[in-house]
């Protein structure tokens, strides 16, 4: 392979390592910029989608020795390396590197070259790593993990979420909606799936900043209780309930789902973007608790991320890559400590073992790709404010996490699914209508605001659609 020569031995060593781990320059769809300003432009005739920036002579050594997903990511967090351009397009490069490093022969060539490069002198990206002791998914460890992620400050999330601060997959009926319109559509779509009716009691497990319960109370005339483990979320959600004059019908509690009472006290239960934190071992407890608090004839809507890749047959090469590259360590250490993603089939099975009947399953994977891209663009546009709030390294954590997640959903490695289940009861055969047509109203927030809650909650509004 042709490797451009340089008068600097360190640049030459770096170029040879790059050719091994990224492929020859003539085949790359991205450019590489070295610490002295020199460039490898990538494949001729192709505009690079991004540029990998090596900040100093030890950048590759910091990124690749020892080779792992965490080392690759933490080199970015420390600013040993950076990316100029589309960070989502850069995300698959890490997987390509992991595949190439499965070759023992390639290892024997690159390790001596990496050792000729100086070590990084930049501060380790460990000041905000999550560190835990004890068994996974105890009440205390779950609470600490949630606070690690969500209690960074409401102002940080306000920078890049929608106005209602909905931190879960939005719903894009046409694909061109703003993030505010798409999240408003998701809130209403969720309420319609639950077939909420005036006077019913709704429980939201993992209610975030309270957007869904407030929407359900205002638009559907229900009484709602939300629970969360995040004090920052609970404080803001409670303040918004007061500001909306909903305190007589809506409240938020700082509570673990396992501490909910055992008696059936709710007509409908919903959980959006929370069960990823439950864990495989506790999934039976999670569904059992939802079953206990739900009245006969009630519906439970569980919305969350599922692992598509682990459900597929994995060849030896993929298993070795996951083991050697230590996939998932970046998210575990810096973003979602204690989280576990499970295949959808496992989730459905545990729900039915708890006594539920599966009524509907819908994938929103493409919707989450759009959601994550909106969030990433908005975060990048507010970089100075984000850095002022949480620091450069933590801004980079979230930028990398959003870009990598968008890539994983776009390539079908992860999905997001809404699972609707029911609890049987005498005379409850009409829980779910024969047709789904009530779900597909035109999502027009300005129309929802003009309707009285009883009419909207009844599901009879056709939103001008004569074909319904």
Protein backbone atom coordinates (compact mmCIF):
# COMPACT_ATOMS: atom_id res chain seq x y z
CA UNK A 1 0.00 0.00 0.00
CA UNK A 2 1.18 3.52 -0.79
CA UNK A 3 1.78 5.60 2.33
CA UNK A 4 2.82 9.26 1.95
CA UNK A 5 6.28 9.86 3.36
CA UNK A 6 7.12 12.55 5.88
CA UNK A 7 10.35 13.95 7.27
CA UNK A 8 8.98 13.27 10.77
CA UNK A 9 9.51 9.70 12.08
CA UNK A 10 6.45 10.10 14.34
CA UNK A 11 4.23 11.12 11.40
CA UNK A 12 5.57 8.17 9.40
CA UNK A 13 4.81 5.77 12.28
CA UNK A 14 1.34 7.25 12.69
CA UNK A 15 0.61 6.92 8.96
CA UNK A 16 1.63 3.25 9.00
CA UNK A 17 -0.60 2.56 11.99
CA UNK A 18 -3.48 4.39 10.29
CA UNK A 19 -3.06 2.27 7.18
CA UNK A 20 -3.34 -0.88 9.30
CA UNK A 21 -6.35 0.13 11.41
CA UNK A 22 -8.31 2.31 8.96
CA UNK A 23 -7.21 0.85 5.63
CA UNK A 24 -5.03 2.48 2.98
CA UNK A 25 -5.56 6.21 2.33
CA UNK A 26 -6.88 5.53 -1.19
CA UNK A 27 -9.81 3.55 0.28
CA UNK A 28 -10.84 5.81 3.17
CA UNK A 29 -13.99 7.88 2.98
CA UNK A 30 -12.61 10.31 5.54
CA UNK A 31 -9.56 12.52 5.91
CA UNK A 32 -6.93 12.50 8.65
CA UNK A 33 -5.23 15.67 9.91
CA UNK A 34 -2.00 15.36 11.88
CA UNK A 35 -0.71 17.54 14.70
CA UNK A 36 1.67 19.36 12.34
CA UNK A 37 -1.18 20.37 10.01
CA UNK A 38 -0.42 17.81 7.29
CA UNK A 39 -3.34 15.83 5.82
CA UNK A 40 -4.20 12.46 4.35
CA UNK A 41 -7.18 13.45 2.19
CA UNK A 42 -8.74 10.01 1.75
CA UNK A 43 -10.05 8.40 -1.42
CA UNK A 44 -9.62 10.45 -4.58
CA UNK A 45 -12.82 11.92 -6.01
CA UNK A 46 -14.81 11.50 -2.79
CA UNK A 47 -15.59 14.40 -0.50
CA UNK A 48 -14.71 13.25 3.03
CA UNK A 49 -17.72 12.96 5.35
CA UNK A 50 -15.53 13.91 8.30
CA UNK A 51 -11.92 14.53 9.28
CA UNK A 52 -10.19 12.62 12.07
CA UNK A 53 -7.88 15.03 13.89
CA UNK A 54 -4.84 13.68 15.74
CA UNK A 55 -3.96 16.38 18.27
CA UNK A 56 -0.44 15.23 19.22
CA UNK A 57 2.09 12.45 18.49
CA UNK A 58 0.70 10.21 21.24
CA UNK A 59 -2.93 10.40 20.07
CA UNK A 60 -2.99 7.03 18.28
CA UNK A 61 -1.27 5.30 21.18
CA UNK A 62 -3.88 6.70 23.57
CA UNK A 63 -6.69 5.61 21.25
CA UNK A 64 -5.49 2.09 20.41
CA UNK A 65 -3.31 0.78 23.24
CA UNK A 66 -4.84 -1.32 24.64
CA UNK A 67 -7.42 -1.60 21.84
CA UNK A 68 -10.95 -1.25 23.16
CA UNK A 69 -14.11 0.76 22.63
CA UNK A 70 -13.49 2.58 25.91
CA UNK A 71 -9.92 3.59 24.96
CA UNK A 72 -11.15 4.84 21.57
CA UNK A 73 -13.94 6.88 23.21
CA UNK A 74 -11.83 8.26 26.06
CA UNK A 75 -9.19 9.47 23.60
CA UNK A 76 -11.98 11.61 22.14
CA UNK A 77 -13.14 12.76 25.59
CA UNK A 78 -9.58 13.88 26.49
CA UNK A 79 -9.19 15.65 23.11
CA UNK A 80 -6.33 13.37 22.07
CA UNK A 81 -8.42 13.03 18.92
CA UNK A 82 -11.30 15.02 17.51
CA UNK A 83 -13.69 14.85 14.58
CA UNK A 84 -14.53 17.68 12.24
CA UNK A 85 -17.77 17.14 10.33
CA UNK A 86 -20.46 14.49 10.66
CA UNK A 87 -19.80 12.65 13.92
CA UNK A 88 -22.56 10.11 13.20
CA UNK A 89 -20.70 9.10 10.03
CA UNK A 90 -17.58 8.60 12.14
CA UNK A 91 -19.28 6.22 14.58
CA UNK A 92 -19.05 3.08 12.39
CA UNK A 93 -15.30 3.59 12.07
CA UNK A 94 -14.81 2.22 15.58
CA UNK A 95 -16.51 -1.05 14.61
CA UNK A 96 -14.41 -1.28 11.46
CA UNK A 97 -11.27 -0.80 13.55
CA UNK A 98 -12.42 -3.52 15.95
CA UNK A 99 -12.88 -5.93 13.03
CA UNK A 100 -9.44 -5.19 11.61
CA UNK A 101 -7.78 -5.62 15.00
CA UNK A 102 -9.07 -9.20 15.26
CA UNK A 103 -6.10 -10.15 13.10
CA UNK A 104 -3.20 -11.38 15.26
CA UNK A 105 -0.78 -10.65 12.43
CA UNK A 106 -1.96 -7.05 12.26
CA UNK A 107 -1.51 -6.74 16.02
CA UNK A 108 2.12 -7.79 15.78
CA UNK A 109 2.71 -5.07 13.19
CA UNK A 110 0.97 -2.14 14.88
CA UNK A 111 1.86 -2.61 18.58
CA UNK A 112 5.61 -1.94 18.09
CA UNK A 113 4.76 1.15 16.02
CA UNK A 114 2.36 2.42 18.67
CA UNK A 115 5.02 1.94 21.35
CA UNK A 116 7.37 4.17 19.35
CA UNK A 117 4.87 6.98 19.76
CA UNK A 118 4.91 8.92 23.04
CA UNK A 119 2.17 8.34 25.64
CA UNK A 120 -0.53 10.96 26.04
CA UNK A 121 0.10 13.52 28.75
CA UNK A 122 -3.50 14.71 28.82
CA UNK A 123 -5.61 14.27 31.92
CA UNK A 124 -7.47 10.97 32.09
CA UNK A 125 -11.20 11.15 31.36
CA UNK A 126 -12.10 9.57 34.67
CA UNK A 127 -13.44 12.44 36.74
CA UNK A 128 -17.03 11.66 35.81
CA UNK A 129 -16.85 7.90 35.30
CA UNK A 130 -19.54 6.00 37.15
CA UNK A 131 -18.08 3.79 39.87
CA UNK A 132 -20.25 1.31 41.70
CA UNK A 133 -19.98 -1.29 44.41
CA UNK A 134 -22.35 -4.10 45.33
CA UNK A 135 -24.85 -6.05 43.28
CA UNK A 136 -26.41 -4.61 40.14
CA UNK A 137 -29.95 -3.23 40.34
CA UNK A 138 -30.23 -2.87 44.08
CA UNK A 139 -32.46 0.08 44.97
CA UNK A 140 -29.51 2.22 46.03
CA UNK A 141 -27.36 1.41 43.02
CA UNK A 142 -30.25 2.03 40.61
CA UNK A 143 -30.97 5.38 42.28
CA UNK A 144 -27.30 6.38 42.07
CA UNK A 145 -27.13 5.37 38.41
CA UNK A 146 -30.21 7.40 37.51
CA UNK A 147 -28.85 10.43 39.32
CA UNK A 148 -25.49 10.06 37.55
CA UNK A 149 -27.27 10.46 34.23
CA UNK A 150 -30.16 12.82 34.92
CA UNK A 151 -28.99 15.12 37.71
CA UNK A 152 -26.41 16.95 35.61
CA UNK A 153 -28.74 19.93 35.76
CA UNK A 154 -32.06 20.65 34.13
CA UNK A 155 -30.54 23.59 32.24
CA UNK A 156 -28.21 21.27 30.33
CA UNK A 157 -31.07 19.12 29.05
CA UNK A 158 -33.14 22.21 28.33
CA UNK A 159 -30.50 23.29 25.79
CA UNK A 160 -31.17 20.48 23.35
CA UNK A 161 -34.46 18.78 24.21
CA UNK A 162 -37.83 20.12 23.07
CA UNK A 163 -39.77 22.73 25.02
CA UNK A 164 -41.54 20.06 27.09
CA UNK A 165 -38.21 18.29 27.80
CA UNK A 166 -39.25 14.84 26.59
CA UNK A 167 -36.16 12.62 26.75
CA UNK A 168 -37.35 9.65 24.69
CA UNK A 169 -38.08 8.75 21.08
CA UNK A 170 -40.31 11.29 19.32
CA UNK A 171 -42.97 10.43 16.72
CA UNK A 172 -42.61 11.81 13.18
CA UNK A 173 -45.77 11.16 11.13
CA UNK A 174 -44.20 12.70 8.00
CA UNK A 175 -40.53 12.90 8.94
CA UNK A 176 -40.25 16.66 8.51
CA UNK A 177 -41.67 17.76 11.87
CA UNK A 178 -39.69 19.92 14.26
CA UNK A 179 -38.59 18.19 17.44
CA UNK A 180 -41.26 20.11 19.36
CA UNK A 181 -44.02 18.96 17.01
CA UNK A 182 -42.73 15.38 16.95
CA UNK A 183 -42.61 15.13 20.74
CA UNK A 184 -46.11 16.63 21.02
CA UNK A 185 -47.24 14.00 18.51
CA UNK A 186 -45.57 11.25 20.58
CA UNK A 187 -47.29 12.35 23.77
CA UNK A 188 -50.68 12.26 22.13
CA UNK A 189 -49.99 9.04 20.24
CA UNK A 190 -49.09 7.39 23.56
CA UNK A 191 -52.30 8.62 25.17
CA UNK A 192 -54.37 7.33 22.25
CA UNK A 193 -52.69 3.92 22.45
CA UNK A 194 -53.68 3.74 26.09
CA UNK A 195 -57.26 4.70 25.12
CA UNK A 196 -57.36 7.15 28.01
CA UNK A 197 -60.81 8.22 29.18
CA UNK A 198 -61.88 11.04 31.49
CA UNK A 199 -61.79 10.09 35.15
CA UNK A 200 -59.30 7.23 34.77
CA UNK A 201 -56.18 7.01 36.93
CA UNK A 202 -52.84 6.86 35.08
CA UNK A 203 -49.46 5.81 36.48
CA UNK A 204 -46.27 6.83 34.66
CA UNK A 205 -43.25 4.74 35.76
CA UNK A 206 -40.15 6.83 35.09
CA UNK A 207 -42.01 10.05 34.32
CA UNK A 208 -39.00 12.24 33.55
CA UNK A 209 -39.88 15.92 33.70
CA UNK A 210 -43.60 15.14 33.67
CA UNK A 211 -44.57 16.05 30.10
CA UNK A 212 -46.69 12.94 29.49
CA UNK A 213 -48.72 13.07 32.70
CA UNK A 214 -49.41 16.76 32.24
CA UNK A 215 -50.50 16.18 28.66
CA UNK A 216 -52.76 13.29 29.70
CA UNK A 217 -54.41 15.33 32.44
CA UNK A 218 -54.93 18.40 30.27
CA UNK A 219 -56.00 16.62 27.11
CA UNK A 220 -57.75 13.49 28.35
CA UNK A 221 -59.23 14.41 31.72
CA UNK A 222 -57.43 11.72 33.71
CA UNK A 223 -55.81 11.79 37.13
CA UNK A 224 -52.09 11.01 36.89
CA UNK A 225 -49.20 10.03 39.14
CA UNK A 226 -45.61 9.98 37.91
CA UNK A 227 -42.65 8.39 39.68
CA UNK A 228 -38.93 8.97 39.14
CA UNK A 229 -35.64 8.31 40.93
CA UNK A 230 -34.18 11.67 39.87
CA UNK A 231 -34.61 14.54 42.35
CA UNK A 232 -33.80 17.06 39.62
CA UNK A 233 -36.58 15.70 37.41
CA UNK A 234 -39.07 15.47 40.26
CA UNK A 235 -38.42 19.07 41.32
CA UNK A 236 -38.94 20.54 37.84
CA UNK A 237 -41.92 18.29 37.05
CA UNK A 238 -43.65 19.31 40.29
CA UNK A 239 -43.01 22.99 39.59
CA UNK A 240 -44.52 22.67 36.11
CA UNK A 241 -47.59 20.92 37.52
CA UNK A 242 -48.10 23.89 39.85
CA UNK A 243 -47.59 26.37 37.01
CA UNK A 244 -50.19 24.50 34.91
CA UNK A 245 -52.69 24.52 37.82
CA UNK A 246 -52.92 20.72 37.76
CA UNK A 247 -52.11 19.92 41.38
CA UNK A 248 -55.61 18.59 42.07
CA UNK A 249 -55.23 15.88 39.40
CA UNK A 250 -51.49 15.37 38.89
CA UNK A 251 -48.41 14.75 41.04
CA UNK A 252 -44.87 13.38 40.87
CA UNK A 253 -43.26 11.20 43.54
CA UNK A 254 -39.62 10.31 44.14
CA UNK A 255 -40.13 6.55 44.27
CA UNK A 256 -38.70 3.24 43.05
CA UNK A 257 -41.18 1.16 41.05
CA UNK A 258 -40.53 -1.74 43.42
CA UNK A 259 -41.95 0.34 46.27
CA UNK A 260 -45.33 0.89 44.65
CA UNK A 261 -48.28 -0.55 46.60
CA UNK A 262 -49.45 -4.03 45.64
CA UNK A 263 -53.14 -3.21 45.23
CA UNK A 264 -54.67 -2.37 41.81
CA UNK A 265 -55.04 1.40 41.97
CA UNK A 266 -54.68 2.48 38.32
CA UNK A 267 -56.72 2.05 35.16
CA UNK A 268 -53.74 2.56 32.86
CA UNK A 269 -49.98 2.31 33.33
CA UNK A 270 -47.26 3.65 31.06
CA UNK A 271 -43.47 3.53 31.10
CA UNK A 272 -41.47 5.41 28.47
CA UNK A 273 -37.69 5.07 28.27
CA UNK A 274 -37.28 3.59 31.73
CA UNK A 275 -37.20 -0.20 31.52
CA UNK A 276 -33.68 -0.11 30.02
CA UNK A 277 -32.60 0.54 33.61
CA UNK A 278 -34.51 -2.42 35.05
CA UNK A 279 -32.11 -5.20 34.04
CA UNK A 280 -32.74 -8.76 32.94
CA UNK A 281 -32.80 -10.15 36.48
CA UNK A 282 -35.47 -7.69 37.61
CA UNK A 283 -37.67 -7.79 34.50
CA UNK A 284 -40.08 -10.31 36.10
CA UNK A 285 -40.43 -8.01 39.15
CA UNK A 286 -41.01 -5.03 36.89
CA UNK A 287 -43.88 -6.63 34.96
CA UNK A 288 -45.29 -8.23 38.11
CA UNK A 289 -45.45 -4.83 39.81
CA UNK A 290 -47.15 -3.26 36.77
CA UNK A 291 -49.65 -6.13 36.82
CA UNK A 292 -50.33 -5.68 40.54
CA UNK A 293 -51.04 -1.94 40.38
CA UNK A 294 -53.25 -2.23 37.27
CA UNK A 295 -56.97 -2.81 37.61
CA UNK A 296 -58.61 -5.66 35.68
CA UNK A 297 -59.35 -4.51 32.17
CA UNK A 298 -56.45 -2.05 32.22
CA UNK A 299 -53.69 -1.42 29.70
CA UNK A 300 -49.94 -1.12 30.19
CA UNK A 301 -47.81 0.55 27.51
CA UNK A 302 -44.08 -0.17 27.80
CA UNK A 303 -41.87 1.93 25.51
CA UNK A 304 -38.13 1.32 25.44
CA UNK A 305 -34.93 0.47 23.63
CA UNK A 306 -34.33 -3.14 22.62
CA UNK A 307 -31.17 -4.92 21.51
CA UNK A 308 -31.64 -6.16 17.95
CA UNK A 309 -28.14 -7.47 17.40
CA UNK A 310 -28.01 -9.85 20.36
CA UNK A 311 -31.18 -11.57 19.16
CA UNK A 312 -29.52 -12.58 15.88
CA UNK A 313 -27.23 -15.56 15.38
CA UNK A 314 -23.69 -14.40 16.17
CA UNK A 315 -20.73 -15.95 14.38
CA UNK A 316 -17.42 -16.55 16.08
CA UNK A 317 -15.94 -13.36 14.61
CA UNK A 318 -18.70 -11.16 16.05
CA UNK A 319 -18.44 -12.82 19.46
CA UNK A 320 -14.68 -12.31 19.51
CA UNK A 321 -15.05 -8.68 18.48
CA UNK A 322 -17.56 -7.99 21.25
CA UNK A 323 -15.28 -9.66 23.80
CA UNK A 324 -11.96 -8.13 22.75
CA UNK A 325 -13.32 -4.69 21.90
CA UNK A 326 -15.35 -4.71 25.14
CA UNK A 327 -18.42 -3.28 23.45
CA UNK A 328 -20.74 -1.26 25.64
CA UNK A 329 -18.08 -0.12 28.13
CA UNK A 330 -18.27 3.52 27.05
CA UNK A 331 -22.01 3.71 27.78
CA UNK A 332 -21.60 1.78 31.02
CA UNK A 333 -18.80 3.99 32.31
CA UNK A 334 -19.90 7.42 31.14
CA UNK A 335 -23.55 7.55 30.07
CA UNK A 336 -25.95 4.86 31.31
CA UNK A 337 -24.38 2.98 34.22
CA UNK A 338 -26.32 -0.12 35.24
CA UNK A 339 -28.40 -0.13 32.05
CA UNK A 340 -29.12 -3.37 30.16
CA UNK A 341 -30.66 -3.69 26.72
CA UNK A 342 -32.61 -6.88 26.02
CA UNK A 343 -34.08 -8.47 22.88
CA UNK A 344 -37.74 -7.65 22.28
CA UNK A 345 -38.70 -11.33 22.47
CA UNK A 346 -37.42 -11.49 26.06
CA UNK A 347 -39.48 -8.43 27.00
CA UNK A 348 -42.68 -9.83 25.49
CA UNK A 349 -42.11 -13.20 27.16
CA UNK A 350 -41.65 -11.69 30.62
CA UNK A 351 -44.75 -9.55 30.18
CA UNK A 352 -46.86 -12.57 29.33
CA UNK A 353 -45.36 -14.61 32.18
CA UNK A 354 -46.57 -11.90 34.54
CA UNK A 355 -50.12 -12.47 33.31
CA UNK A 356 -50.46 -9.82 30.61
CA UNK A 357 -51.86 -10.39 27.13
CA UNK A 358 -49.90 -8.82 24.29
CA UNK A 359 -52.20 -6.55 22.29
CA UNK A 360 -49.85 -4.55 20.09
CA UNK A 361 -46.14 -4.22 19.30
CA UNK A 362 -44.76 -1.38 17.20
CA UNK A 363 -41.20 -0.53 16.22
CA UNK A 364 -40.28 3.15 16.24
CA UNK A 365 -36.65 2.61 15.24
CA UNK A 366 -36.62 5.07 12.34
CA UNK A 367 -38.33 7.65 14.54
CA UNK A 368 -35.50 7.38 17.05
CA UNK A 369 -32.90 7.96 14.34
CA UNK A 370 -34.60 11.26 13.52
CA UNK A 371 -34.96 12.12 17.21
CA UNK A 372 -31.28 11.53 17.95
CA UNK A 373 -30.20 13.57 14.93
CA UNK A 374 -32.34 16.48 16.11
CA UNK A 375 -30.82 16.23 19.60
CA UNK A 376 -27.26 16.02 18.26
CA UNK A 377 -27.64 19.05 15.98
CA UNK A 378 -29.24 21.06 18.77
CA UNK A 379 -26.51 20.13 21.27
CA UNK A 380 -23.74 20.99 18.80
CA UNK A 381 -25.42 24.33 18.05
CA UNK A 382 -25.38 25.17 21.78
CA UNK A 383 -21.82 24.01 22.47
CA UNK A 384 -20.59 27.15 24.27
CA UNK A 385 -23.53 27.07 26.69
CA UNK A 386 -23.24 23.30 27.20
CA UNK A 387 -19.53 23.54 27.96
CA UNK A 388 -20.18 26.38 30.40
CA UNK A 389 -22.72 24.21 32.23
CA UNK A 390 -21.03 20.79 32.31
CA UNK A 391 -17.49 21.22 30.98
CA UNK A 392 -15.80 20.29 27.70
CA UNK A 393 -15.28 16.60 28.49
CA UNK A 394 -18.87 15.98 29.53
CA UNK A 395 -20.15 17.86 26.49
CA UNK A 396 -18.06 15.44 24.43
CA UNK A 397 -19.58 12.46 26.26
CA UNK A 398 -23.06 13.48 25.21
CA UNK A 399 -22.06 14.44 21.69
CA UNK A 400 -20.40 11.06 21.16
CA UNK A 401 -23.26 9.17 22.79
CA UNK A 402 -25.93 10.82 20.62
CA UNK A 403 -23.94 10.33 17.42
CA UNK A 404 -23.10 6.69 18.16
CA UNK A 405 -26.71 5.96 19.15
CA UNK A 406 -28.04 7.53 15.94
CA UNK A 407 -25.66 5.31 13.96
CA UNK A 408 -26.67 2.16 15.89
CA UNK A 409 -30.38 2.76 15.32
CA UNK A 410 -29.86 3.73 11.66
CA UNK A 411 -27.94 0.49 11.01
CA UNK A 412 -30.43 -1.72 12.86
CA UNK A 413 -28.20 -2.72 15.76
CA UNK A 414 -30.67 -1.28 18.27
CA UNK A 415 -34.40 -0.64 18.09
CA UNK A 416 -37.13 1.00 20.12
CA UNK A 417 -40.48 -0.69 20.61
CA UNK A 418 -43.85 0.12 22.12
CA UNK A 419 -45.42 -2.95 23.71
CA UNK A 420 -49.10 -2.67 24.63
CA UNK A 421 -50.42 -5.35 26.99
CA UNK A 422 -53.71 -5.81 28.85
CA UNK A 423 -54.81 -7.29 32.15
CA UNK A 424 -57.85 -9.50 31.74
CA UNK A 425 -61.01 -8.97 33.74
CA UNK A 426 -64.69 -9.82 33.65
CA UNK A 427 -66.48 -7.90 30.91
CA UNK A 428 -63.32 -6.36 29.52
CA UNK A 429 -63.24 -7.82 26.02
CA UNK A 430 -63.52 -4.36 24.45
CA UNK A 431 -60.29 -2.97 26.01
CA UNK A 432 -58.77 -2.54 22.57
CA UNK A 433 -61.01 -1.66 19.58
CA UNK A 434 -61.25 -3.98 16.61
CA UNK A 435 -59.56 -1.34 14.44
CA UNK A 436 -56.48 0.78 15.07
CA UNK A 437 -57.92 3.74 13.20
CA UNK A 438 -58.25 5.79 16.37
CA UNK A 439 -54.45 5.80 16.66
CA UNK A 440 -53.80 7.53 13.38
CA UNK A 441 -55.33 10.94 13.90
CA UNK A 442 -53.46 13.77 12.27
CA UNK A 443 -51.13 15.04 15.00
CA UNK A 444 -51.99 18.75 15.08
CA UNK A 445 -51.19 20.29 18.47
CA UNK A 446 -53.07 23.47 17.58
CA UNK A 447 -56.18 21.32 17.03
CA UNK A 448 -55.72 19.47 20.33
CA UNK A 449 -55.54 22.73 22.23
CA UNK A 450 -58.83 23.89 20.70
CA UNK A 451 -60.76 20.79 21.79
CA UNK A 452 -62.29 20.12 25.17
CA UNK A 453 -60.69 17.21 27.10
CA UNK A 454 -63.84 15.03 27.03
CA UNK A 455 -64.12 15.13 23.24
CA UNK A 456 -60.40 14.59 22.72
CA UNK A 457 -60.18 11.83 25.32
CA UNK A 458 -63.09 9.91 23.83
CA UNK A 459 -61.13 9.15 20.69
CA UNK A 460 -63.95 10.33 18.42
CA UNK A 461 -62.06 13.28 16.94
CA UNK A 462 -61.35 12.62 13.30
CA UNK A 463 -59.03 15.62 12.74
CA UNK A 464 -60.68 16.28 9.41
CA UNK A 465 -59.94 12.80 8.07
CA UNK A 466 -63.06 11.67 6.20
CA UNK A 467 -61.51 8.24 5.52
CA UNK A 468 -61.58 7.40 9.24
